[in-house]
Amino acid sequence: MEVTMPDRAVAKVFMTGRSQAVRLPKEFRFKTEEVRIRAEGSKVILEPIEDDWEWLNELHKLGPLDDDAVQAAEEDMPPQDRPELDVFK
């Protein structure tokens, strides 16, 4: 069951050492170690940085690869010589 987050709340701003911090209400806690921070006018927006491997979890949900896909991935193809596409020479 997915818990819905409220639209707004009030958070406390405080100093920790020489840094400013914000104590988020528990309904707004992040489920990640890092967040991306950006400014839009006078607003400061925090966004979770998604797990780089999440796409692999989604791919895994599609099920196992068929034999043709495995064979194509393992096939050793010779390098192609296509000078018309070599723009760096």
PDB file of N, CA and C in Angstrom:
ATOM      1  N   MET A   1       0.840  -1.177   0.000  1.00  0.00           N
ATOM      2  CA  MET A   1       0.000   0.000   0.000  1.00  0.00           C
ATOM      3  C   MET A   1       0.888   1.244   0.000  1.00  0.00           C
ATOM      4  N   GLU A   2       0.684   2.096  -0.973  1.00  0.00           N
ATOM      5  CA  GLU A   2       1.497   3.299  -1.096  1.00  0.00           C
ATOM      6  C   GLU A   2       0.946   4.395  -0.205  1.00  0.00           C
ATOM      7  N   VAL A   3       1.841   5.008   0.555  1.00  0.00           N
ATOM      8  CA  VAL A   3       1.448   6.105   1.438  1.00  0.00           C
ATOM      9  C   VAL A   3       1.557   7.402   0.653  1.00  0.00           C
ATOM     10  N   THR A   4       0.501   8.206   0.681  1.00  0.00           N
ATOM     11  CA  THR A   4       0.552   9.480  -0.030  1.00  0.00           C
ATOM     12  C   THR A   4       1.161  10.546   0.866  1.00  0.00           C
ATOM     13  N   MET A   5       1.959  11.396   0.252  1.00  0.00           N
ATOM     14  CA  MET A   5       2.644  12.465   0.961  1.00  0.00           C
ATOM     15  C   MET A   5       1.757  13.707   0.949  1.00  0.00           C
ATOM     16  N   PRO A   6       1.687  14.424   2.058  1.00  0.00           N
ATOM     17  CA  PRO A   6       0.916  15.672   2.052  1.00  0.00           C
ATOM     18  C   PRO A   6       1.548  16.684   1.091  1.00  0.00           C
ATOM     19  N   ASP A   7       0.759  17.639   0.640  1.00  0.00           N
ATOM     20  CA  ASP A   7       1.259  18.659  -0.285  1.00  0.00           C
ATOM     21  C   ASP A   7       2.229  19.620   0.378  1.00  0.00           C
ATOM     22  N   ARG A   8       1.991  19.962   1.642  1.00  0.00           N
ATOM     23  CA  ARG A   8       2.826  20.940   2.337  1.00  0.00           C
ATOM     24  C   ARG A   8       2.917  20.633   3.818  1.00  0.00           C
ATOM     25  N   ALA A   9       3.940  21.210   4.401  1.00  0.00           N
ATOM     26  CA  ALA A   9       4.141  21.136   5.848  1.00  0.00           C
ATOM     27  C   ALA A   9       5.138  22.230   6.204  1.00  0.00           C
ATOM     28  N   VAL A  10       5.371  22.417   7.476  1.00  0.00           N
ATOM     29  CA  VAL A  10       6.349  23.399   7.945  1.00  0.00           C
ATOM     30  C   VAL A  10       7.540  22.625   8.495  1.00  0.00           C
ATOM     31  N   ALA A  11       8.737  23.069   8.125  1.00  0.00           N
ATOM     32  CA  ALA A  11       9.961  22.434   8.603  1.00  0.00           C
ATOM     33  C   ALA A  11      10.818  23.473   9.311  1.00  0.00           C
ATOM     34  N   LYS A  12      11.601  23.025  10.257  1.00  0.00           N
ATOM     35  CA  LYS A  12      12.492  23.907  11.016  1.00  0.00           C
ATOM     36  C   LYS A  12      13.838  24.028  10.310  1.00  0.00           C
ATOM     37  N   VAL A  13      14.353  25.246  10.256  1.00  0.00           N
ATOM     38  CA  VAL A  13      15.682  25.524   9.724  1.00  0.00           C
ATOM     39  C   VAL A  13      16.592  25.772  10.923  1.00  0.00           C
ATOM     40  N   PHE A  14      17.794  25.165  10.907  1.00  0.00           N
ATOM     41  CA  PHE A  14      18.711  25.336  12.029  1.00  0.00           C
ATOM     42  C   PHE A  14      20.141  25.253  11.529  1.00  0.00           C
ATOM     43  N   MET A  15      21.062  25.642  12.368  1.00  0.00           N
ATOM     44  CA  MET A  15      22.483  25.584  12.039  1.00  0.00           C
ATOM     45  C   MET A  15      23.090  24.334  12.672  1.00  0.00           C
ATOM     46  N   THR A  16      23.932  23.656  11.912  1.00  0.00           N
ATOM     47  CA  THR A  16      24.704  22.548  12.432  1.00  0.00           C
ATOM     48  C   THR A  16      26.153  22.815  12.028  1.00  0.00           C
ATOM     49  N   GLY A  17      26.952  23.187  13.008  1.00  0.00           N
ATOM     50  CA  GLY A  17      28.302  23.667  12.700  1.00  0.00           C
ATOM     51  C   GLY A  17      28.192  24.971  11.927  1.00  0.00           C
ATOM     52  N   ARG A  18      28.823  25.008  10.748  1.00  0.00           N
ATOM     53  CA  ARG A  18      28.747  26.211   9.911  1.00  0.00           C
ATOM     54  C   ARG A  18      27.800  26.013   8.726  1.00  0.00           C
ATOM     55  N   SER A  19      26.989  24.961   8.769  1.00  0.00           N
ATOM     56  CA  SER A  19      26.052  24.669   7.681  1.00  0.00           C
ATOM     57  C   SER A  19      24.618  24.866   8.135  1.00  0.00           C
ATOM     58  N   GLN A  20      23.787  25.275   7.216  1.00  0.00           N
ATOM     59  CA  GLN A  20      22.358  25.387   7.500  1.00  0.00           C
ATOM     60  C   GLN A  20      21.707  24.059   7.138  1.00  0.00           C
ATOM     61  N   ALA A  21      20.764  23.624   7.952  1.00  0.00           N
ATOM     62  CA  ALA A  21      20.069  22.360   7.719  1.00  0.00           C
ATOM     63  C   ALA A  21      18.572  22.563   7.902  1.00  0.00           C
ATOM     64  N   VAL A  22      17.811  21.633   7.359  1.00  0.00           N
ATOM     65  CA  VAL A  22      16.354  21.658   7.483  1.00  0.00           C
ATOM     66  C   VAL A  22      15.924  20.320   8.062  1.00  0.00           C
ATOM     67  N   ARG A  23      15.141  20.355   9.111  1.00  0.00           N
ATOM     68  CA  ARG A  23      14.610  19.133   9.712  1.00  0.00           C
ATOM     69  C   ARG A  23      13.279  18.826   9.030  1.00  0.00           C
ATOM     70  N   LEU A  24      13.277  17.788   8.205  1.00  0.00           N
ATOM     71  CA  LEU A  24      12.073  17.435   7.457  1.00  0.00           C
ATOM     72  C   LEU A  24      11.094  16.665   8.334  1.00  0.00           C
ATOM     73  N   PRO A  25       9.800  16.951   8.225  1.00  0.00           N
ATOM     74  CA  PRO A  25       8.809  16.121   8.916  1.00  0.00           C
ATOM     75  C   PRO A  25       8.903  14.687   8.386  1.00  0.00           C
ATOM     76  N   LYS A  26       8.549  13.711   9.200  1.00  0.00           N
ATOM     77  CA  LYS A  26       8.751  12.318   8.796  1.00  0.00           C
ATOM     78  C   LYS A  26       7.990  11.949   7.531  1.00  0.00           C
ATOM     79  N   GLU A  27       6.889  12.630   7.238  1.00  0.00           N
ATOM     80  CA  GLU A  27       6.140  12.343   6.008  1.00  0.00           C
ATOM     81  C   GLU A  27       6.936  12.726   4.759  1.00  0.00           C
ATOM     82  N   PHE A  28       7.974  13.536   4.919  1.00  0.00           N
ATOM     83  CA  PHE A  28       8.762  14.015   3.787  1.00  0.00           C
ATOM     84  C   PHE A  28      10.162  13.405   3.743  1.00  0.00           C
ATOM     85  N   ARG A  29      10.420  12.395   4.554  1.00  0.00           N
ATOM     86  CA  ARG A  29      11.747  11.783   4.566  1.00  0.00           C
ATOM     87  C   ARG A  29      12.050  11.129   3.226  1.00  0.00           C
ATOM     88  N   PHE A  30      13.318  11.212   2.836  1.00  0.00           N
ATOM     89  CA  PHE A  30      13.766  10.593   1.595  1.00  0.00           C
ATOM     90  C   PHE A  30      14.169   9.153   1.852  1.00  0.00           C
ATOM     91  N   LYS A  31      13.972   8.304   0.854  1.00  0.00           N
ATOM     92  CA  LYS A  31      14.393   6.909   0.946  1.00  0.00           C
ATOM     93  C   LYS A  31      15.679   6.720   0.143  1.00  0.00           C
ATOM     94  N   THR A  32      16.582   7.666   0.270  1.00  0.00           N
ATOM     95  CA  THR A  32      17.833   7.635  -0.470  1.00  0.00           C
ATOM     96  C   THR A  32      18.921   8.314   0.353  1.00  0.00           C
ATOM     97  N   GLU A  33      20.161   8.085  -0.027  1.00  0.00           N
ATOM     98  CA  GLU A  33      21.293   8.673   0.691  1.00  0.00           C
ATOM     99  C   GLU A  33      21.617  10.088   0.211  1.00  0.00           C
ATOM    100  N   GLU A  34      21.262  10.403  -1.046  1.00  0.00           N
ATOM    101  CA  GLU A  34      21.584  11.711  -1.614  1.00  0.00           C
ATOM    102  C   GLU A  34      20.363  12.308  -2.300  1.00  0.00           C
ATOM    103  N   VAL A  35      20.347  13.631  -2.357  1.00  0.00           N
ATOM    104  CA  VAL A  35      19.294  14.340  -3.083  1.00  0.00           C
ATOM    105  C   VAL A  35      19.941  15.358  -4.012  1.00  0.00           C
ATOM    106  N   ARG A  36      19.236  15.676  -5.071  1.00  0.00           N
ATOM    107  CA  ARG A  36      19.662  16.738  -5.986  1.00  0.00           C
ATOM    108  C   ARG A  36      19.011  18.019  -5.503  1.00  0.00           C
ATOM    109  N   ILE A  37      19.747  19.114  -5.514  1.00  0.00           N
ATOM    110  CA  ILE A  37      19.214  20.392  -5.048  1.00  0.00           C
ATOM    111  C   ILE A  37      19.275  21.389  -6.197  1.00  0.00           C
ATOM    112  N   ARG A  38      18.208  22.145  -6.361  1.00  0.00           N
ATOM    113  CA  ARG A  38      18.175  23.179  -7.395  1.00  0.00           C
ATOM    114  C   ARG A  38      17.321  24.336  -6.915  1.00  0.00           C
ATOM    115  N   ALA A  39      17.518  25.467  -7.542  1.00  0.00           N
ATOM    116  CA  ALA A  39      16.761  26.666  -7.179  1.00  0.00           C
ATOM    117  C   ALA A  39      15.846  27.051  -8.333  1.00  0.00           C
ATOM    118  N   GLU A  40      14.643  27.469  -7.985  1.00  0.00           N
ATOM    119  CA  GLU A  40      13.695  28.051  -8.937  1.00  0.00           C
ATOM    120  C   GLU A  40      13.222  29.352  -8.321  1.00  0.00           C
ATOM    121  N   GLY A  41      13.816  30.442  -8.760  1.00  0.00           N
ATOM    122  CA  GLY A  41      13.509  31.727  -8.139  1.00  0.00           C
ATOM    123  C   GLY A  41      13.949  31.700  -6.689  1.00  0.00           C
ATOM    124  N   SER A  42      13.032  31.994  -5.772  1.00  0.00           N
ATOM    125  CA  SER A  42      13.366  31.978  -4.348  1.00  0.00           C
ATOM    126  C   SER A  42      13.128  30.609  -3.710  1.00  0.00           C
ATOM    127  N   LYS A  43      12.696  29.629  -4.499  1.00  0.00           N
ATOM    128  CA  LYS A  43      12.431  28.279  -3.975  1.00  0.00           C
ATOM    129  C   LYS A  43      13.686  27.420  -4.055  1.00  0.00           C
ATOM    130  N   VAL A  44      13.849  26.542  -3.077  1.00  0.00           N
ATOM    131  CA  VAL A  44      14.898  25.532  -3.093  1.00  0.00           C
ATOM    132  C   VAL A  44      14.188  24.192  -3.182  1.00  0.00           C
ATOM    133  N   ILE A  45      14.527  23.401  -4.188  1.00  0.00           N
ATOM    134  CA  ILE A  45      13.832  22.139  -4.437  1.00  0.00           C
ATOM    135  C   ILE A  45      14.805  20.984  -4.252  1.00  0.00           C
ATOM    136  N   LEU A  46      14.404  20.009  -3.444  1.00  0.00           N
ATOM    137  CA  LEU A  46      15.188  18.796  -3.218  1.00  0.00           C
ATOM    138  C   LEU A  46      14.498  17.645  -3.935  1.00  0.00           C
ATOM    139  N   GLU A  47      15.270  16.869  -4.689  1.00  0.00           N
ATOM    140  CA  GLU A  47      14.722  15.719  -5.403  1.00  0.00           C
ATOM    141  C   GLU A  47      15.594  14.508  -5.126  1.00  0.00           C
ATOM    142  N   PRO A  48      14.983  13.346  -4.906  1.00  0.00           N
ATOM    143  CA  PRO A  48      15.799  12.153  -4.682  1.00  0.00           C
ATOM    144  C   PRO A  48      16.576  11.798  -5.943  1.00  0.00           C
ATOM    145  N   ILE A  49      17.788  11.319  -5.757  1.00  0.00           N
ATOM    146  CA  ILE A  49      18.574  10.806  -6.874  1.00  0.00           C
ATOM    147  C   ILE A  49      18.252   9.325  -6.965  1.00  0.00           C
ATOM    148  N   GLU A  50      17.656   8.956  -8.070  1.00  0.00           N
ATOM    149  CA  GLU A  50      17.218   7.573  -8.243  1.00  0.00           C
ATOM    150  C   GLU A  50      18.411   6.630  -8.345  1.00  0.00           C
ATOM    151  N   ASP A  51      18.188   5.410  -7.929  1.00  0.00           N
ATOM    152  CA  ASP A  51      19.188   4.361  -8.024  1.00  0.00           C
ATOM    153  C   ASP A  51      19.544   4.154  -9.496  1.00  0.00           C
ATOM    154  N   ASP A  52      20.838   4.227  -9.833  1.00  0.00           N
ATOM    155  CA  ASP A  52      21.269   4.069 -11.223  1.00  0.00           C
ATOM    156  C   ASP A  52      20.896   2.717 -11.808  1.00  0.00           C
ATOM    157  N   TRP A  53      20.660   1.737 -10.967  1.00  0.00           N
ATOM    158  CA  TRP A  53      20.370   0.392 -11.450  1.00  0.00           C
ATOM    159  C   TRP A  53      18.877   0.081 -11.471  1.00  0.00           C
ATOM    160  N   GLU A  54      18.031   1.056 -11.184  1.00  0.00           N
ATOM    161  CA  GLU A  54      16.589   0.814 -11.167  1.00  0.00           C
ATOM    162  C   GLU A  54      16.089   0.312 -12.523  1.00  0.00           C
ATOM    163  N   TRP A  55      16.688   0.797 -13.614  1.00  0.00           N
ATOM    164  CA  TRP A  55      16.273   0.359 -14.947  1.00  0.00           C
ATOM    165  C   TRP A  55      16.475  -1.146 -15.112  1.00  0.00           C
ATOM    166  N   LEU A  56      17.502  -1.695 -14.454  1.00  0.00           N
ATOM    167  CA  LEU A  56      17.761  -3.123 -14.552  1.00  0.00           C
ATOM    168  C   LEU A  56      16.671  -3.923 -13.842  1.00  0.00           C
ATOM    169  N   ASN A  57      16.185  -3.408 -12.715  1.00  0.00           N
ATOM    170  CA  ASN A  57      15.079  -4.068 -12.023  1.00  0.00           C
ATOM    171  C   ASN A  57      13.837  -4.109 -12.902  1.00  0.00           C
ATOM    172  N   GLU A  58      13.565  -3.013 -13.621  1.00  0.00           N
ATOM    173  CA  GLU A  58      12.411  -2.972 -14.524  1.00  0.00           C
ATOM    174  C   GLU A  58      12.593  -3.962 -15.669  1.00  0.00           C
ATOM    175  N   LEU A  59      13.799  -4.050 -16.203  1.00  0.00           N
ATOM    176  CA  LEU A  59      14.088  -4.982 -17.284  1.00  0.00           C
ATOM    177  C   LEU A  59      13.912  -6.424 -16.818  1.00  0.00           C
ATOM    178  N   HIS A  60      14.331  -6.693 -15.599  1.00  0.00           N
ATOM    179  CA  HIS A  60      14.219  -8.044 -15.039  1.00  0.00           C
ATOM    180  C   HIS A  60      12.758  -8.488 -14.936  1.00  0.00           C
ATOM    181  N   LYS A  61      11.855  -7.550 -14.719  1.00  0.00           N
ATOM    182  CA  LYS A  61      10.429  -7.874 -14.605  1.00  0.00           C
ATOM    183  C   LYS A  61       9.853  -8.415 -15.910  1.00  0.00           C
ATOM    184  N   LEU A  62      10.535  -8.165 -17.038  1.00  0.00           N
ATOM    185  CA  LEU A  62      10.048  -8.647 -18.330  1.00  0.00           C
ATOM    186  C   LEU A  62      10.236 -10.149 -18.494  1.00  0.00           C
ATOM    187  N   GLY A  63      11.036 -10.751 -17.644  1.00  0.00           N
ATOM    188  CA  GLY A  63      11.246 -12.188 -17.712  1.00  0.00           C
ATOM    189  C   GLY A  63      12.583 -12.522 -18.354  1.00  0.00           C
ATOM    190  N   PRO A  64      12.876 -13.823 -18.460  1.00  0.00           N
ATOM    191  CA  PRO A  64      14.170 -14.238 -19.004  1.00  0.00           C
ATOM    192  C   PRO A  64      14.259 -13.958 -20.507  1.00  0.00           C
ATOM    193  N   LEU A  65      15.499 -13.825 -20.988  1.00  0.00           N
ATOM    194  CA  LEU A  65      15.730 -13.640 -22.418  1.00  0.00           C
ATOM    195  C   LEU A  65      15.476 -14.942 -23.157  1.00  0.00           C
ATOM    196  N   ASP A  66      14.985 -14.835 -24.388  1.00  0.00           N
ATOM    197  CA  ASP A  66      14.818 -16.057 -25.176  1.00  0.00           C
ATOM    198  C   ASP A  66      16.172 -16.455 -25.769  1.00  0.00           C
ATOM    199  N   ASP A  67      16.243 -17.651 -26.359  1.00  0.00           N
ATOM    200  CA  ASP A  67      17.513 -18.180 -26.867  1.00  0.00           C
ATOM    201  C   ASP A  67      18.117 -17.301 -27.956  1.00  0.00           C
ATOM    202  N   ASP A  68      17.278 -16.708 -28.822  1.00  0.00           N
ATOM    203  CA  ASP A  68      17.789 -15.848 -29.895  1.00  0.00           C
ATOM    204  C   ASP A  68      18.497 -14.619 -29.327  1.00  0.00           C
ATOM    205  N   ALA A  69      17.939 -14.028 -28.289  1.00  0.00           N
ATOM    206  CA  ALA A  69      18.546 -12.840 -27.683  1.00  0.00           C
ATOM    207  C   ALA A  69      19.884 -13.196 -27.038  1.00  0.00           C
ATOM    208  N   VAL A  70      19.947 -14.324 -26.363  1.00  0.00           N
ATOM    209  CA  VAL A  70      21.196 -14.759 -25.730  1.00  0.00           C
ATOM    210  C   VAL A  70      22.251 -15.025 -26.794  1.00  0.00           C
ATOM    211  N   GLN A  71      21.865 -15.714 -27.881  1.00  0.00           N
ATOM    212  CA  GLN A  71      22.808 -16.018 -28.959  1.00  0.00           C
ATOM    213  C   GLN A  71      23.329 -14.732 -29.608  1.00  0.00           C
ATOM    214  N   ALA A  72      22.460 -13.769 -29.856  1.00  0.00           N
ATOM    215  CA  ALA A  72      22.877 -12.505 -30.469  1.00  0.00           C
ATOM    216  C   ALA A  72      23.837 -11.745 -29.563  1.00  0.00           C
ATOM    217  N   ALA A  73      23.607 -11.781 -28.266  1.00  0.00           N
ATOM    218  CA  ALA A  73      24.473 -11.069 -27.325  1.00  0.00           C
ATOM    219  C   ALA A  73      25.848 -11.718 -27.221  1.00  0.00           C
ATOM    220  N   GLU A  74      25.900 -13.031 -27.405  1.00  0.00           N
ATOM    221  CA  GLU A  74      27.162 -13.754 -27.257  1.00  0.00           C
ATOM    222  C   GLU A  74      27.936 -13.882 -28.564  1.00  0.00           C
ATOM    223  N   GLU A  75      27.301 -13.571 -29.692  1.00  0.00           N
ATOM    224  CA  GLU A  75      27.935 -13.724 -30.998  1.00  0.00           C
ATOM    225  C   GLU A  75      29.105 -12.751 -31.146  1.00  0.00           C
ATOM    226  N   ASP A  76      30.232 -13.270 -31.616  1.00  0.00           N
ATOM    227  CA  ASP A  76      31.423 -12.447 -31.807  1.00  0.00           C
ATOM    228  C   ASP A  76      31.412 -11.915 -33.235  1.00  0.00           C
ATOM    229  N   MET A  77      31.121 -10.644 -33.386  1.00  0.00           N
ATOM    230  CA  MET A  77      31.020 -10.034 -34.709  1.00  0.00           C
ATOM    231  C   MET A  77      32.359  -9.403 -35.088  1.00  0.00           C
ATOM    232  N   PRO A  78      32.780  -9.572 -36.355  1.00  0.00           N
ATOM    233  CA  PRO A  78      34.020  -8.911 -36.783  1.00  0.00           C
ATOM    234  C   PRO A  78      33.795  -7.407 -36.889  1.00  0.00           C
ATOM    235  N   PRO A  79      34.856  -6.605 -36.700  1.00  0.00           N
ATOM    236  CA  PRO A  79      34.690  -5.153 -36.822  1.00  0.00           C
ATOM    237  C   PRO A  79      34.292  -4.779 -38.250  1.00  0.00           C
ATOM    238  N   GLN A  80      33.509  -3.747 -38.382  1.00  0.00           N
ATOM    239  CA  GLN A  80      33.065  -3.281 -39.694  1.00  0.00           C
ATOM    240  C   GLN A  80      33.980  -2.160 -40.175  1.00  0.00           C
ATOM    241  N   ASP A  81      34.312  -2.186 -41.452  1.00  0.00           N
ATOM    242  CA  ASP A  81      35.115  -1.125 -42.051  1.00  0.00           C
ATOM    243  C   ASP A  81      34.182  -0.272 -42.909  1.00  0.00           C
ATOM    244  N   ARG A  82      33.819   0.900 -42.390  1.00  0.00           N
ATOM    245  CA  ARG A  82      32.903   1.792 -43.111  1.00  0.00           C
ATOM    246  C   ARG A  82      33.494   3.204 -43.094  1.00  0.00           C
ATOM    247  N   PRO A  83      34.451   3.472 -43.999  1.00  0.00           N
ATOM    248  CA  PRO A  83      35.161   4.755 -43.978  1.00  0.00           C
ATOM    249  C   PRO A  83      34.249   5.965 -44.166  1.00  0.00           C
ATOM    250  N   GLU A  84      33.125   5.808 -44.841  1.00  0.00           N
ATOM    251  CA  GLU A  84      32.228   6.954 -45.042  1.00  0.00           C
ATOM    252  C   GLU A  84      31.623   7.453 -43.736  1.00  0.00           C
ATOM    253  N   LEU A  85      31.641   6.634 -42.702  1.00  0.00           N
ATOM    254  CA  LEU A  85      31.111   7.040 -41.402  1.00  0.00           C
ATOM    255  C   LEU A  85      32.199   7.535 -40.451  1.00  0.00           C
ATOM    256  N   ASP A  86      33.450   7.436 -40.856  1.00  0.00           N
ATOM    257  CA  ASP A  86      34.554   7.845 -39.987  1.00  0.00           C
ATOM    258  C   ASP A  86      34.822   9.341 -40.165  1.00  0.00           C
ATOM    259  N   VAL A  87      34.182  10.166 -39.368  1.00  0.00           N
ATOM    260  CA  VAL A  87      34.301  11.618 -39.494  1.00  0.00           C
ATOM    261  C   VAL A  87      35.527  12.170 -38.763  1.00  0.00           C
ATOM    262  N   PHE A  88      36.251  11.326 -38.048  1.00  0.00           N
ATOM    263  CA  PHE A  88      37.389  11.803 -37.266  1.00  0.00           C
ATOM    264  C   PHE A  88      38.721  11.649 -37.996  1.00  0.00           C
ATOM    265  N   LYS A  89      38.728  11.170 -39.224  1.00  0.00           N
ATOM    266  CA  LYS A  89      39.987  11.015 -39.976  1.00  0.00           C
ATOM    267  C   LYS A  89      40.151  12.142 -40.941  1.00  0.00           C
TER     268      LYS A  89
END
